[in-house]
C-alpha atoms as a PDB file:
ATOM      1  CA  UNK A   1    -124.527 -99.799  37.433  1.00  0.00           C
ATOM      2  CA  UNK A   2    -127.111 -98.501  40.380  1.00  0.00           C
ATOM      3  CA  UNK A   3    -130.075 -99.695  39.667  1.00  0.00           C
ATOM      4  CA  UNK A   4    -132.456 -67.952  37.556  1.00  0.00           C
ATOM      5  CA  UNK A   5    -135.042 -65.816  36.228  1.00  0.00           C
ATOM      6  CA  UNK A   6    -136.946 -65.869  33.322  1.00  0.00           C
ATOM      7  CA  UNK A   7    -137.272 -63.318  30.622  1.00  0.00           C
ATOM      8  CA  UNK A   8    -140.995 -63.379  31.094  1.00  0.00           C
ATOM      9  CA  UNK A   9    -143.816 -64.639  33.806  1.00  0.00           C
ATOM     10  CA  UNK A  10    -144.968 -68.612  32.345  1.00  0.00           C
ATOM     11  CA  UNK A  11    -146.578 -70.220  35.304  1.00  0.00           C
ATOM     12  CA  UNK A  12    -147.680 -73.131  33.412  1.00  0.00           C
ATOM     13  CA  UNK A  13    -144.606 -74.206  31.931  1.00  0.00           C
ATOM     14  CA  UNK A  14    -144.346 -77.991  32.761  1.00  0.00           C
ATOM     15  CA  UNK A  15    -143.477 -78.726  36.158  1.00  0.00           C
ATOM     16  CA  UNK A  16    -144.004 -81.188  38.955  1.00  0.00           C
ATOM     17  CA  UNK A  17    -147.113 -80.971  40.737  1.00  0.00           C
ATOM     18  CA  UNK A  18    -146.826 -81.828  44.539  1.00  0.00           C
ATOM     19  CA  UNK A  19    -150.721 -82.331  44.910  1.00  0.00           C
ATOM     20  CA  UNK A  20    -150.228 -85.540  42.715  1.00  0.00           C
ATOM     21  CA  UNK A  21    -147.792 -87.057  44.758  1.00  0.00           C
ATOM     22  CA  UNK A  22    -150.232 -89.158  46.721  1.00  0.00           C
ATOM     23  CA  UNK A  23    -151.343 -91.531  44.258  1.00  0.00           C
ATOM     24  CA  UNK A  24    -147.203 -92.383  43.707  1.00  0.00           C
ATOM     25  CA  UNK A  25    -145.040 -94.582  45.606  1.00  0.00           C
ATOM     26  CA  UNK A  26    -144.827 -93.741  49.125  1.00  0.00           C
ATOM     27  CA  UNK A  27    -140.757 -94.469  50.031  1.00  0.00           C
ATOM     28  CA  UNK A  28    -138.025 -91.844  49.725  1.00  0.00           C
ATOM     29  CA  UNK A  29    -136.320 -94.146  47.315  1.00  0.00           C
ATOM     30  CA  UNK A  30    -138.684 -96.509  46.027  1.00  0.00           C
ATOM     31  CA  UNK A  31    -138.145 -94.892  42.479  1.00  0.00           C
ATOM     32  CA  UNK A  32    -134.268 -95.510  42.458  1.00  0.00           C
ATOM     33  CA  UNK A  33    -133.696 -99.537  41.064  1.00  0.00           C
ATOM     34  CA  UNK A  34    -131.246 -99.935  44.586  1.00  0.00           C
ATOM     35  CA  UNK A  35    -130.308 -97.775  47.241  1.00  0.00           C
ATOM     36  CA  UNK A  36    -128.910 -94.651  45.691  1.00  0.00           C
ATOM     37  CA  UNK A  37    -125.728 -94.112  47.597  1.00  0.00           C
ATOM     38  CA  UNK A  38    -124.746 -90.607  49.224  1.00  0.00           C
ATOM     39  CA  UNK A  39    -121.669 -90.625  46.786  1.00  0.00           C
ATOM     40  CA  UNK A  40    -124.267 -90.718  43.939  1.00  0.00           C
ATOM     41  CA  UNK A  41    -126.124 -88.280  45.086  1.00  0.00           C
ATOM     42  CA  UNK A  42    -123.050 -85.758  45.807  1.00  0.00           C
ATOM     43  CA  UNK A  43    -122.496 -83.267  43.320  1.00  0.00           C
ATOM     44  CA  UNK A  44    -119.368 -81.066  42.323  1.00  0.00           C
ATOM     45  CA  UNK A  45    -119.194 -77.584  42.033  1.00  0.00           C
ATOM     46  CA  UNK A  46    -117.579 -75.702  39.182  1.00  0.00           C
ATOM     47  CA  UNK A  47    -117.342 -71.827  38.387  1.00  0.00           C
ATOM     48  CA  UNK A  48    -120.829 -71.402  40.371  1.00  0.00           C
ATOM     49  CA  UNK A  49    -122.751 -74.134  38.742  1.00  0.00           C
ATOM     50  CA  UNK A  50    -123.589 -77.756  39.918  1.00  0.00           C
ATOM     51  CA  UNK A  51    -122.425 -81.271  38.239  1.00  0.00           C
ATOM     52  CA  UNK A  52    -123.233 -84.778  38.927  1.00  0.00           C
ATOM     53  CA  UNK A  53    -120.723 -86.534  40.619  1.00  0.00           C
ATOM     54  CA  UNK A  54    -121.089 -89.675  39.482  1.00  0.00           C
ATOM     55  CA  UNK A  55    -118.767 -90.272  36.734  1.00  0.00           C
ATOM     56  CA  UNK A  56    -117.075 -87.483  36.765  1.00  0.00           C
ATOM     57  CA  UNK A  57    -114.862 -88.271  33.752  1.00  0.00           C
ATOM     58  CA  UNK A  58    -117.833 -88.760  31.869  1.00  0.00           C
ATOM     59  CA  UNK A  59    -118.263 -86.526  28.700  1.00  0.00           C
ATOM     60  CA  UNK A  60    -121.419 -85.041  29.954  1.00  0.00           C
ATOM     61  CA  UNK A  61    -120.391 -81.177  29.970  1.00  0.00           C
ATOM     62  CA  UNK A  62    -123.730 -79.414  31.357  1.00  0.00           C
ATOM     63  CA  UNK A  63    -124.718 -79.251  35.097  1.00  0.00           C
ATOM     64  CA  UNK A  64    -127.205 -80.626  36.774  1.00  0.00           C
ATOM     65  CA  UNK A  65    -128.689 -77.724  39.129  1.00  0.00           C
ATOM     66  CA  UNK A  66    -132.386 -76.598  39.889  1.00  0.00           C
ATOM     67  CA  UNK A  67    -131.908 -73.905  37.058  1.00  0.00           C
ATOM     68  CA  UNK A  68    -130.763 -77.026  34.526  1.00  0.00           C
ATOM     69  CA  UNK A  69    -133.583 -78.850  36.071  1.00  0.00           C
ATOM     70  CA  UNK A  70    -136.052 -75.825  35.171  1.00  0.00           C
ATOM     71  CA  UNK A  71    -134.619 -75.674  31.866  1.00  0.00           C
ATOM     72  CA  UNK A  72    -134.852 -79.412  31.258  1.00  0.00           C
ATOM     73  CA  UNK A  73    -138.913 -79.111  31.839  1.00  0.00           C
ATOM     74  CA  UNK A  74    -139.345 -76.095  29.851  1.00  0.00           C
ATOM     75  CA  UNK A  75    -137.857 -78.188  26.584  1.00  0.00           C
ATOM     76  CA  UNK A  76    -139.888 -80.854  27.347  1.00  0.00           C
ATOM     77  CA  UNK A  77    -142.839 -79.100  27.400  1.00  0.00           C
ATOM     78  CA  UNK A  78    -141.752 -76.835  24.397  1.00  0.00           C
ATOM     79  CA  UNK A  79    -141.214 -80.509  22.586  1.00  0.00           C
ATOM     80  CA  UNK A  80    -144.442 -82.092  23.311  1.00  0.00           C
ATOM     81  CA  UNK A  81    -146.433 -79.015  21.962  1.00  0.00           C
ATOM     82  CA  UNK A  82    -144.086 -78.552  18.612  1.00  0.00           C
ATOM     83  CA  UNK A  83    -145.449 -82.241  18.476  1.00  0.00           C
ATOM     84  CA  UNK A  84    -149.036 -81.650  18.524  1.00  0.00           C
ATOM     85  CA  UNK A  85    -149.266 -83.024  22.510  1.00  0.00           C
ATOM     86  CA  UNK A  86    -147.535 -86.504  21.567  1.00  0.00           C
ATOM     87  CA  UNK A  87    -145.246 -87.949  23.868  1.00  0.00           C
ATOM     88  CA  UNK A  88    -143.911 -90.111  21.350  1.00  0.00           C
ATOM     89  CA  UNK A  89    -144.364 -90.903  17.440  1.00  0.00           C
ATOM     90  CA  UNK A  90    -143.388 -94.326  17.346  1.00  0.00           C
ATOM     91  CA  UNK A  91    -146.490 -96.866  17.236  1.00  0.00           C
ATOM     92  CA  UNK A  92    -145.990 -98.756  20.400  1.00  0.00           C
ATOM     93  CA  UNK A  93    -149.783 -99.527  20.649  1.00  0.00           C
ATOM     94  CA  UNK A  94    -151.883 -99.255  23.820  1.00  0.00           C
ATOM     95  CA  UNK A  95    -150.455-102.005  25.942  1.00  0.00           C
ATOM     96  CA  UNK A  96    -146.464-101.640  25.662  1.00  0.00           C
ATOM     97  CA  UNK A  97    -144.787-103.935  28.296  1.00  0.00           C
ATOM     98  CA  UNK A  98    -141.324-102.176  29.105  1.00  0.00           C
ATOM     99  CA  UNK A  99    -140.143 -98.551  27.881  1.00  0.00           C
ATOM    100  CA  UNK A 100    -136.521 -97.166  28.619  1.00  0.00           C
ATOM    101  CA  UNK A 101    -135.778 -93.640  28.529  1.00  0.00           C
ATOM    102  CA  UNK A 102    -132.199 -92.788  27.928  1.00  0.00           C
ATOM    103  CA  UNK A 103    -131.065 -89.599  29.366  1.00  0.00           C
ATOM    104  CA  UNK A 104    -134.128 -89.164  31.251  1.00  0.00           C
ATOM    105  CA  UNK A 105    -133.297 -85.615  33.417  1.00  0.00           C
ATOM    106  CA  UNK A 106    -135.779 -84.672  35.793  1.00  0.00           C
ATOM    107  CA  UNK A 107    -137.667 -88.062  34.810  1.00  0.00           C
ATOM    108  CA  UNK A 108    -140.843 -85.915  33.295  1.00  0.00           C
ATOM    109  CA  UNK A 109    -141.194 -87.446  30.150  1.00  0.00           C
ATOM    110  CA  UNK A 110    -141.032 -90.782  31.578  1.00  0.00           C
ATOM    111  CA  UNK A 111    -143.259 -89.828  34.235  1.00  0.00           C
ATOM    112  CA  UNK A 112    -146.130 -89.119  31.934  1.00  0.00           C
ATOM    113  CA  UNK A 113    -145.329 -92.074  29.863  1.00  0.00           C
ATOM    114  CA  UNK A 114    -145.735 -94.513  33.020  1.00  0.00           C
ATOM    115  CA  UNK A 115    -148.932 -92.730  33.591  1.00  0.00           C
ATOM    116  CA  UNK A 116    -150.156 -93.164  30.271  1.00  0.00           C
ATOM    117  CA  UNK A 117    -149.607 -96.468  29.909  1.00  0.00           C
ATOM    118  CA  UNK A 118    -150.036 -98.461  33.402  1.00  0.00           C
ATOM    119  CA  UNK A 119    -148.877-101.754  31.807  1.00  0.00           C
ATOM    120  CA  UNK A 120    -145.608-100.767  31.106  1.00  0.00           C
ATOM    121  CA  UNK A 121    -142.605-100.898  33.114  1.00  0.00           C
ATOM    122  CA  UNK A 122    -140.807 -97.956  32.499  1.00  0.00           C
ATOM    123  CA  UNK A 123    -137.546 -97.146  33.160  1.00  0.00           C
ATOM    124  CA  UNK A 124    -135.661 -93.888  33.155  1.00  0.00           C
ATOM    125  CA  UNK A 125    -131.814 -93.710  33.004  1.00  0.00           C
ATOM    126  CA  UNK A 126    -129.308 -90.548  33.721  1.00  0.00           C
ATOM    127  CA  UNK A 127    -126.055 -89.385  35.075  1.00  0.00           C
ATOM    128  CA  UNK A 128    -127.575 -87.314  37.217  1.00  0.00           C
ATOM    129  CA  UNK A 129    -130.282 -88.761  40.649  1.00  0.00           C
ATOM    130  CA  UNK A 130    -132.445 -85.605  40.243  1.00  0.00           C
ATOM    131  CA  UNK A 131    -135.365 -87.269  39.810  1.00  0.00           C
ATOM    132  CA  UNK A 132    -138.323 -87.003  42.331  1.00  0.00           C
ATOM    133  CA  UNK A 133    -139.109 -89.178  44.859  1.00  0.00           C
ATOM    134  CA  UNK A 134    -142.580 -89.537  44.131  1.00  0.00           C
ATOM    135  CA  UNK A 135    -143.683 -91.450  40.902  1.00  0.00           C
ATOM    136  CA  UNK A 136    -146.105 -93.503  39.202  1.00  0.00           C
ATOM    137  CA  UNK A 137    -145.387 -97.366  40.843  1.00  0.00           C
ATOM    138  CA  UNK A 138    -144.543 -98.789  37.428  1.00  0.00           C
ATOM    139  CA  UNK A 139    -141.737 -96.371  37.213  1.00  0.00           C
ATOM    140  CA  UNK A 140    -137.897 -96.474  38.207  1.00  0.00           C
ATOM    141  CA  UNK A 141    -135.117 -94.365  37.773  1.00  0.00           C
ATOM    142  CA  UNK A 142    -131.476 -96.031  37.067  1.00  0.00           C
ATOM    143  CA  UNK A 143    -128.129 -94.032  37.726  1.00  0.00           C
ATOM    144  CA  UNK A 144    -125.649 -95.141  34.667  1.00  0.00           C
ATOM    145  CA  UNK A 145    -123.884 -94.217  32.151  1.00  0.00           C
ATOM    146  CA  UNK A 146    -125.021 -94.980  28.866  1.00  0.00           C
ATOM    147  CA  UNK A 147    -121.679 -94.267  27.295  1.00  0.00           C
ATOM    148  CA  UNK A 148    -120.362 -97.151  29.188  1.00  0.00           C
ATOM    149  CA  UNK A 149    -120.954-100.910  28.104  1.00  0.00           C
ATOM    150  CA  UNK A 150    -124.609-101.741  28.026  1.00  0.00           C
ATOM    151  CA  UNK A 151    -125.809-104.450  30.699  1.00  0.00           C
ATOM    152  CA  UNK A 152    -129.490-104.698  29.966  1.00  0.00           C
ATOM    153  CA  UNK A 153    -130.789-107.731  28.922  1.00  0.00           C
ATOM    154  CA  UNK A 154    -131.192-108.745  25.398  1.00  0.00           C
ATOM    155  CA  UNK A 155    -134.552-108.328  23.250  1.00  0.00           C
ATOM    156  CA  UNK A 156    -135.729-107.067  26.596  1.00  0.00           C
ATOM    157  CA  UNK A 157    -137.525-103.429  25.674  1.00  0.00           C
ATOM    158  CA  UNK A 158    -140.713-102.790  23.179  1.00  0.00           C
ATOM    159  CA  UNK A 159    -139.442 -99.028  23.228  1.00  0.00           C
ATOM    160  CA  UNK A 160    -136.093 -96.987  23.943  1.00  0.00           C
ATOM    161  CA  UNK A 161    -136.644 -93.366  23.844  1.00  0.00           C
ATOM    162  CA  UNK A 162    -133.602 -90.809  23.538  1.00  0.00           C
ATOM    163  CA  UNK A 163    -134.758 -87.116  23.428  1.00  0.00           C
ATOM    164  CA  UNK A 164    -132.116 -83.861  23.742  1.00  0.00           C
ATOM    165  CA  UNK A 165    -129.396 -86.180  24.282  1.00  0.00           C
ATOM    166  CA  UNK A 166    -127.350 -87.296  21.144  1.00  0.00           C
ATOM    167  CA  UNK A 167    -125.137 -84.075  21.374  1.00  0.00           C
ATOM    168  CA  UNK A 168    -124.376 -85.050  24.970  1.00  0.00           C
ATOM    169  CA  UNK A 169    -122.823 -88.521  23.701  1.00  0.00           C
ATOM    170  CA  UNK A 170    -119.479 -88.572  21.966  1.00  0.00           C
ATOM    171  CA  UNK A 171    -119.134 -88.955  18.585  1.00  0.00           C
ATOM    172  CA  UNK A 172    -116.947 -92.367  18.821  1.00  0.00           C
ATOM    173  CA  UNK A 173    -119.604 -94.169  20.993  1.00  0.00           C
ATOM    174  CA  UNK A 174    -122.708 -92.823  18.924  1.00  0.00           C
ATOM    175  CA  UNK A 175    -122.710 -95.840  17.274  1.00  0.00           C
ATOM    176  CA  UNK A 176    -122.236 -98.476  19.669  1.00  0.00           C
ATOM    177  CA  UNK A 177    -124.922 -97.102  21.262  1.00  0.00           C
ATOM    178  CA  UNK A 178    -127.232 -97.620  18.439  1.00  0.00           C
ATOM    179  CA  UNK A 179    -126.126-101.330  18.067  1.00  0.00           C
ATOM    180  CA  UNK A 180    -126.835-101.607  21.907  1.00  0.00           C
ATOM    181  CA  UNK A 181    -130.286-100.458  21.607  1.00  0.00           C
ATOM    182  CA  UNK A 182    -131.003-102.635  18.674  1.00  0.00           C
ATOM    183  CA  UNK A 183    -129.777-105.678  20.691  1.00  0.00           C
ATOM    184  CA  UNK A 184    -131.879-104.671  23.740  1.00  0.00           C
ATOM    185  CA  UNK A 185    -135.085-104.018  21.806  1.00  0.00           C
ATOM    186  CA  UNK A 186    -137.795-106.999  21.504  1.00  0.00           C
ATOM    187  CA  UNK A 187    -138.211-107.898  18.132  1.00  0.00           C
ATOM    188  CA  UNK A 188    -140.532-105.661  16.135  1.00  0.00           C
ATOM    189  CA  UNK A 189    -139.408-102.913  19.204  1.00  0.00           C
ATOM    190  CA  UNK A 190    -139.098 -99.253  18.385  1.00  0.00           C
ATOM    191  CA  UNK A 191    -136.304 -96.979  18.997  1.00  0.00           C
ATOM    192  CA  UNK A 192    -136.904 -93.181  19.150  1.00  0.00           C
ATOM    193  CA  UNK A 193    -134.102 -90.106  18.710  1.00  0.00           C
ATOM    194  CA  UNK A 194    -136.270 -86.674  19.409  1.00  0.00           C
ATOM    195  CA  UNK A 195    -133.219 -84.250  18.763  1.00  0.00           C
ATOM    196  CA  UNK A 196    -132.818 -80.681  17.978  1.00  0.00           C
ATOM    197  CA  UNK A 197    -129.829 -79.569  15.247  1.00  0.00           C
ATOM    198  CA  UNK A 198    -128.172 -76.873  17.005  1.00  0.00           C
ATOM    199  CA  UNK A 199    -127.639 -74.294  14.149  1.00  0.00           C
ATOM    200  CA  UNK A 200    -130.273 -71.681  13.134  1.00  0.00           C
ATOM    201  CA  UNK A 201    -131.816 -71.443   9.930  1.00  0.00           C
ATOM    202  CA  UNK A 202    -133.903 -69.091   8.105  1.00  0.00           C
ATOM    203  CA  UNK A 203    -136.465 -69.326   4.986  1.00  0.00           C
ATOM    204  CA  UNK A 204    -137.090 -65.619   4.528  1.00  0.00           C
ATOM    205  CA  UNK A 205    -133.970 -63.820   4.429  1.00  0.00           C
ATOM    206  CA  UNK A 206    -133.655 -62.015   7.741  1.00  0.00           C
ATOM    207  CA  UNK A 207    -130.784 -63.678   9.452  1.00  0.00           C
ATOM    208  CA  UNK A 208    -128.443 -61.385   8.394  1.00  0.00           C
ATOM    209  CA  UNK A 209    -125.137 -60.056   9.995  1.00  0.00           C
ATOM    210  CA  UNK A 210    -124.623 -59.194  13.060  1.00  0.00           C
ATOM    211  CA  UNK A 211    -126.246 -61.834  14.643  1.00  0.00           C
ATOM    212  CA  UNK A 212    -124.593 -62.389  17.948  1.00  0.00           C
ATOM    213  CA  UNK A 213    -126.853 -65.672  18.450  1.00  0.00           C
ATOM    214  CA  UNK A 214    -125.613 -67.067  15.199  1.00  0.00           C
ATOM    215  CA  UNK A 215    -121.811 -66.213  16.418  1.00  0.00           C
ATOM    216  CA  UNK A 216    -122.411 -67.626  19.773  1.00  0.00           C
ATOM    217  CA  UNK A 217    -123.640 -71.201  18.141  1.00  0.00           C
ATOM    218  CA  UNK A 218    -120.819 -71.619  16.069  1.00  0.00           C
ATOM    219  CA  UNK A 219    -118.177 -71.096  19.086  1.00  0.00           C
ATOM    220  CA  UNK A 220    -120.482 -73.537  21.288  1.00  0.00           C
ATOM    221  CA  UNK A 221    -120.577 -75.869  18.385  1.00  0.00           C
ATOM    222  CA  UNK A 222    -116.546 -75.899  17.803  1.00  0.00           C
ATOM    223  CA  UNK A 223    -116.350 -76.094  21.645  1.00  0.00           C
ATOM    224  CA  UNK A 224    -118.767 -79.404  21.353  1.00  0.00           C
ATOM    225  CA  UNK A 225    -116.537 -81.051  18.540  1.00  0.00           C
ATOM    226  CA  UNK A 226    -113.357 -80.594  20.721  1.00  0.00           C
ATOM    227  CA  UNK A 227    -114.580 -81.851  23.724  1.00  0.00           C
ATOM    228  CA  UNK A 228    -115.905 -84.794  21.524  1.00  0.00           C
ATOM    229  CA  UNK A 229    -119.204 -84.188  20.806  1.00  0.00           C
ATOM    230  CA  UNK A 230    -121.346 -83.403  17.438  1.00  0.00           C
ATOM    231  CA  UNK A 231    -124.398 -80.703  17.779  1.00  0.00           C
ATOM    232  CA  UNK A 232    -125.119 -81.700  14.195  1.00  0.00           C
ATOM    233  CA  UNK A 233    -125.712 -85.452  15.091  1.00  0.00           C
ATOM    234  CA  UNK A 234    -129.687 -84.977  14.800  1.00  0.00           C
ATOM    235  CA  UNK A 235    -129.319 -84.795  10.298  1.00  0.00           C
ATOM    236  CA  UNK A 236    -127.194 -88.427  11.025  1.00  0.00           C
ATOM    237  CA  UNK A 237    -129.263 -90.205  12.989  1.00  0.00           C
ATOM    238  CA  UNK A 238    -131.397 -92.228  10.508  1.00  0.00           C
ATOM    239  CA  UNK A 239    -128.266 -93.650   8.703  1.00  0.00           C
ATOM    240  CA  UNK A 240    -127.126 -94.320  11.417  1.00  0.00           C
ATOM    241  CA  UNK A 241    -130.209 -96.443  12.868  1.00  0.00           C
ATOM    242  CA  UNK A 242    -130.381 -98.065   9.005  1.00  0.00           C
ATOM    243  CA  UNK A 243    -126.580 -98.832   9.254  1.00  0.00           C
ATOM    244  CA  UNK A 244    -127.028-100.636  12.773  1.00  0.00           C
ATOM    245  CA  UNK A 245    -129.634-102.766  11.282  1.00  0.00           C
ATOM    246  CA  UNK A 246    -133.239-100.837  12.109  1.00  0.00           C
ATOM    247  CA  UNK A 247    -135.891-100.961   9.672  1.00  0.00           C
ATOM    248  CA  UNK A 248    -138.742 -98.985   9.031  1.00  0.00           C
ATOM    249  CA  UNK A 249    -136.949 -95.714   9.701  1.00  0.00           C
ATOM    250  CA  UNK A 250    -139.034 -92.795   9.255  1.00  0.00           C
ATOM    251  CA  UNK A 251    -137.194 -88.971   9.690  1.00  0.00           C
ATOM    252  CA  UNK A 252    -139.541 -86.116  10.568  1.00  0.00           C
ATOM    253  CA  UNK A 253    -138.191 -82.702  10.508  1.00  0.00           C
ATOM    254  CA  UNK A 254    -140.019 -79.573  12.662  1.00  0.00           C
ATOM    255  CA  UNK A 255    -139.511 -76.093  12.492  1.00  0.00           C
ATOM    256  CA  UNK A 256    -138.853 -75.191  16.146  1.00  0.00           C
ATOM    257  CA  UNK A 257    -138.847 -71.115  16.608  1.00  0.00           C
ATOM    258  CA  UNK A 258    -136.523 -69.063  18.053  1.00  0.00           C
ATOM    259  CA  UNK A 259    -138.731 -66.576  19.577  1.00  0.00           C
ATOM    260  CA  UNK A 260    -141.944 -64.812  19.360  1.00  0.00           C
ATOM    261  CA  UNK A 261    -141.948 -64.096  15.650  1.00  0.00           C
ATOM    262  CA  UNK A 262    -144.299 -66.303  14.170  1.00  0.00           C
ATOM    263  CA  UNK A 263    -147.968 -65.513  13.585  1.00  0.00           C
ATOM    264  CA  UNK A 264    -149.170 -69.196  14.723  1.00  0.00           C
ATOM    265  CA  UNK A 265    -149.927 -68.741  18.148  1.00  0.00           C
ATOM    266  CA  UNK A 266    -148.634 -72.346  19.042  1.00  0.00           C
ATOM    267  CA  UNK A 267    -145.296 -71.986  17.581  1.00  0.00           C
ATOM    268  CA  UNK A 268    -145.060 -68.586  18.647  1.00  0.00           C
ATOM    269  CA  UNK A 269    -145.654 -70.127  22.246  1.00  0.00           C
ATOM    270  CA  UNK A 270    -143.252 -72.789  21.421  1.00  0.00           C
ATOM    271  CA  UNK A 271    -140.291 -69.761  20.520  1.00  0.00           C
ATOM    272  CA  UNK A 272    -141.105 -68.409  24.018  1.00  0.00           C
ATOM    273  CA  UNK A 273    -140.135 -71.371  25.576  1.00  0.00           C
ATOM    274  CA  UNK A 274    -137.092 -71.816  23.518  1.00  0.00           C
ATOM    275  CA  UNK A 275    -135.794 -68.278  24.277  1.00  0.00           C
ATOM    276  CA  UNK A 276    -136.566 -68.957  27.666  1.00  0.00           C
ATOM    277  CA  UNK A 277    -134.654 -72.338  27.657  1.00  0.00           C
ATOM    278  CA  UNK A 278    -131.582 -70.478  26.238  1.00  0.00           C
ATOM    279  CA  UNK A 279    -131.771 -67.546  27.570  1.00  0.00           C
ATOM    280  CA  UNK A 280    -131.723 -68.725  30.969  1.00  0.00           C
ATOM    281  CA  UNK A 281    -129.088 -71.544  30.643  1.00  0.00           C
ATOM    282  CA  UNK A 282    -126.488 -69.275  28.621  1.00  0.00           C
ATOM    283  CA  UNK A 283    -124.241 -69.882  31.453  1.00  0.00           C
ATOM    284  CA  UNK A 284    -124.942 -73.549  32.125  1.00  0.00           C
ATOM    285  CA  UNK A 285    -124.227 -74.173  28.518  1.00  0.00           C
ATOM    286  CA  UNK A 286    -121.179 -72.500  28.021  1.00  0.00           C
ATOM    287  CA  UNK A 287    -119.207 -73.431  31.490  1.00  0.00           C
ATOM    288  CA  UNK A 288    -117.578 -76.793  30.623  1.00  0.00           C
ATOM    289  CA  UNK A 289    -117.794 -76.205  26.895  1.00  0.00           C
ATOM    290  CA  UNK A 290    -116.297 -73.067  26.358  1.00  0.00           C
ATOM    291  CA  UNK A 291    -113.678 -73.454  29.417  1.00  0.00           C
ATOM    292  CA  UNK A 292    -112.239 -76.929  28.401  1.00  0.00           C
ATOM    293  CA  UNK A 293    -113.097 -77.295  24.695  1.00  0.00           C
ATOM    294  CA  UNK A 294    -112.255 -73.223  23.920  1.00  0.00           C
ATOM    295  CA  UNK A 295    -110.020 -72.121  26.552  1.00  0.00           C
ATOM    296  CA  UNK A 296    -111.815 -69.180  27.852  1.00  0.00           C
ATOM    297  CA  UNK A 297    -112.341 -67.684  31.293  1.00  0.00           C
ATOM    298  CA  UNK A 298    -115.482 -66.742  32.762  1.00  0.00           C
ATOM    299  CA  UNK A 299    -115.175 -63.605  33.281  1.00  0.00           C
ATOM    300  CA  UNK A 300    -114.709 -63.648  29.053  1.00  0.00           C
ATOM    301  CA  UNK A 301    -117.542 -65.873  28.878  1.00  0.00           C
ATOM    302  CA  UNK A 302    -119.871 -63.471  30.751  1.00  0.00           C
ATOM    303  CA  UNK A 303    -118.881 -60.199  29.031  1.00  0.00           C
ATOM    304  CA  UNK A 304    -119.531 -62.430  25.826  1.00  0.00           C
ATOM    305  CA  UNK A 305    -123.042 -63.445  26.580  1.00  0.00           C
ATOM    306  CA  UNK A 306    -124.287 -59.954  26.968  1.00  0.00           C
ATOM    307  CA  UNK A 307    -124.808 -59.135  23.267  1.00  0.00           C
ATOM    308  CA  UNK A 308    -125.879 -62.778  22.948  1.00  0.00           C
ATOM    309  CA  UNK A 309    -128.377 -62.355  25.290  1.00  0.00           C
ATOM    310  CA  UNK A 310    -129.965 -59.210  23.840  1.00  0.00           C
ATOM    311  CA  UNK A 311    -129.534 -61.245  20.798  1.00  0.00           C
ATOM    312  CA  UNK A 312    -132.177 -63.802  21.763  1.00  0.00           C
ATOM    313  CA  UNK A 313    -134.792 -60.779  22.238  1.00  0.00           C
ATOM    314  CA  UNK A 314    -134.417 -59.450  18.339  1.00  0.00           C
ATOM    315  CA  UNK A 315    -137.780 -60.593  16.840  1.00  0.00           C
ATOM    316  CA  UNK A 316    -136.658 -59.042  13.117  1.00  0.00           C
ATOM    317  CA  UNK A 317    -134.533 -62.352  12.954  1.00  0.00           C
ATOM    318  CA  UNK A 318    -137.168 -65.325  11.734  1.00  0.00           C
ATOM    319  CA  UNK A 319    -134.913 -68.398  13.154  1.00  0.00           C
ATOM    320  CA  UNK A 320    -135.755 -71.623  13.827  1.00  0.00           C
ATOM    321  CA  UNK A 321    -133.753 -75.037  14.728  1.00  0.00           C
ATOM    322  CA  UNK A 322    -134.707 -77.920  13.071  1.00  0.00           C
ATOM    323  CA  UNK A 323    -136.184 -80.986  15.580  1.00  0.00           C
ATOM    324  CA  UNK A 324    -135.527 -84.208  14.192  1.00  0.00           C
ATOM    325  CA  UNK A 325    -137.767 -87.025  15.049  1.00  0.00           C
ATOM    326  CA  UNK A 326    -135.928 -90.207  13.755  1.00  0.00           C
ATOM    327  CA  UNK A 327    -138.332 -93.908  14.464  1.00  0.00           C
ATOM    328  CA  UNK A 328    -136.840 -97.065  13.488  1.00  0.00           C
ATOM    329  CA  UNK A 329    -137.712-100.706  14.577  1.00  0.00           C
ATOM    330  CA  UNK A 330    -135.748-103.526  15.201  1.00  0.00           C
ATOM    331  CA  UNK A 331    -137.029-106.699  12.534  1.00  0.00           C
ATOM    332  CA  UNK A 332    -139.092-109.203  13.695  1.00  0.00           C
ATOM    333  CA  UNK A 333    -136.753-111.581  12.819  1.00  0.00           C
ATOM    334  CA  UNK A 334    -133.138-111.571  12.755  1.00  0.00           C
ATOM    335  CA  UNK A 335    -130.497-109.938  15.032  1.00  0.00           C
ATOM    336  CA  UNK A 336    -131.698-111.788  18.056  1.00  0.00           C
ATOM    337  CA  UNK A 337    -129.040-111.458  20.509  1.00  0.00           C
ATOM    338  CA  UNK A 338    -127.335-108.593  19.224  1.00  0.00           C
END
């Protein structure tokens, strides 16, 4: 462990603001738990996309290039918007002391949490060293693989957070990771998932065939499954948490529109962001999943995605994706050291 073009011009999509750097750490590597070696910062390139070089055999099948980082920040803005401005639903109080963000990506959620809770030591964990250098002084990033054996001390965190990550963890490791989380949390601490179930749904019968987006999701989910993942995993998280010993488990399911068909302005904007996140990332999402999981070549993928991209703009389909918010608490007694 080492401690493209958008379909709209959205200037206010959440991104890092360089003007705020002066209030953060001054050393270029100060946000990391240890000096990040060149081998960790190195990347590999495949089919014109850039991937993390650390733990190249890890399951995670998506790039870490600038386009993917932009999508990460768009999904952050979209999710916070859909959640009514909340960064979390777990009742962690006003002065949490230790927070861990699993699969932190660009670190945008961890940065905002560190700003909101200056009392907390916030840590963001990811396979890729793509986070900014200048961050709040109470935040550091860790380069590690959450699918490996955890070395974090038992009973050490008040709150552990995992968002847009579940489908990138092998199905066989999900239960083990939940057990690792409950061991690592302090008694009474909280674990929270915020995960999209990757299948389009519709309440008014407008998702009629032909609909290339639905066909694409079917292929994607098949490829993910063949690689060992589960794009339907969001609906299983509450049960996994209860099985691991969490109590007071609550599940909230929000509707994330695809596109600008909703009348509600907030939902329309969230749907716009989601469409941008998918449209800008179609090639990123498909590259390894379709080539390694389904045996396609990139030429076939590029041709196939033409109709999918057009279909994303079909406002006659009133489609949404479920966003699962699942919160559980480690019991105040029992499970110590587990």
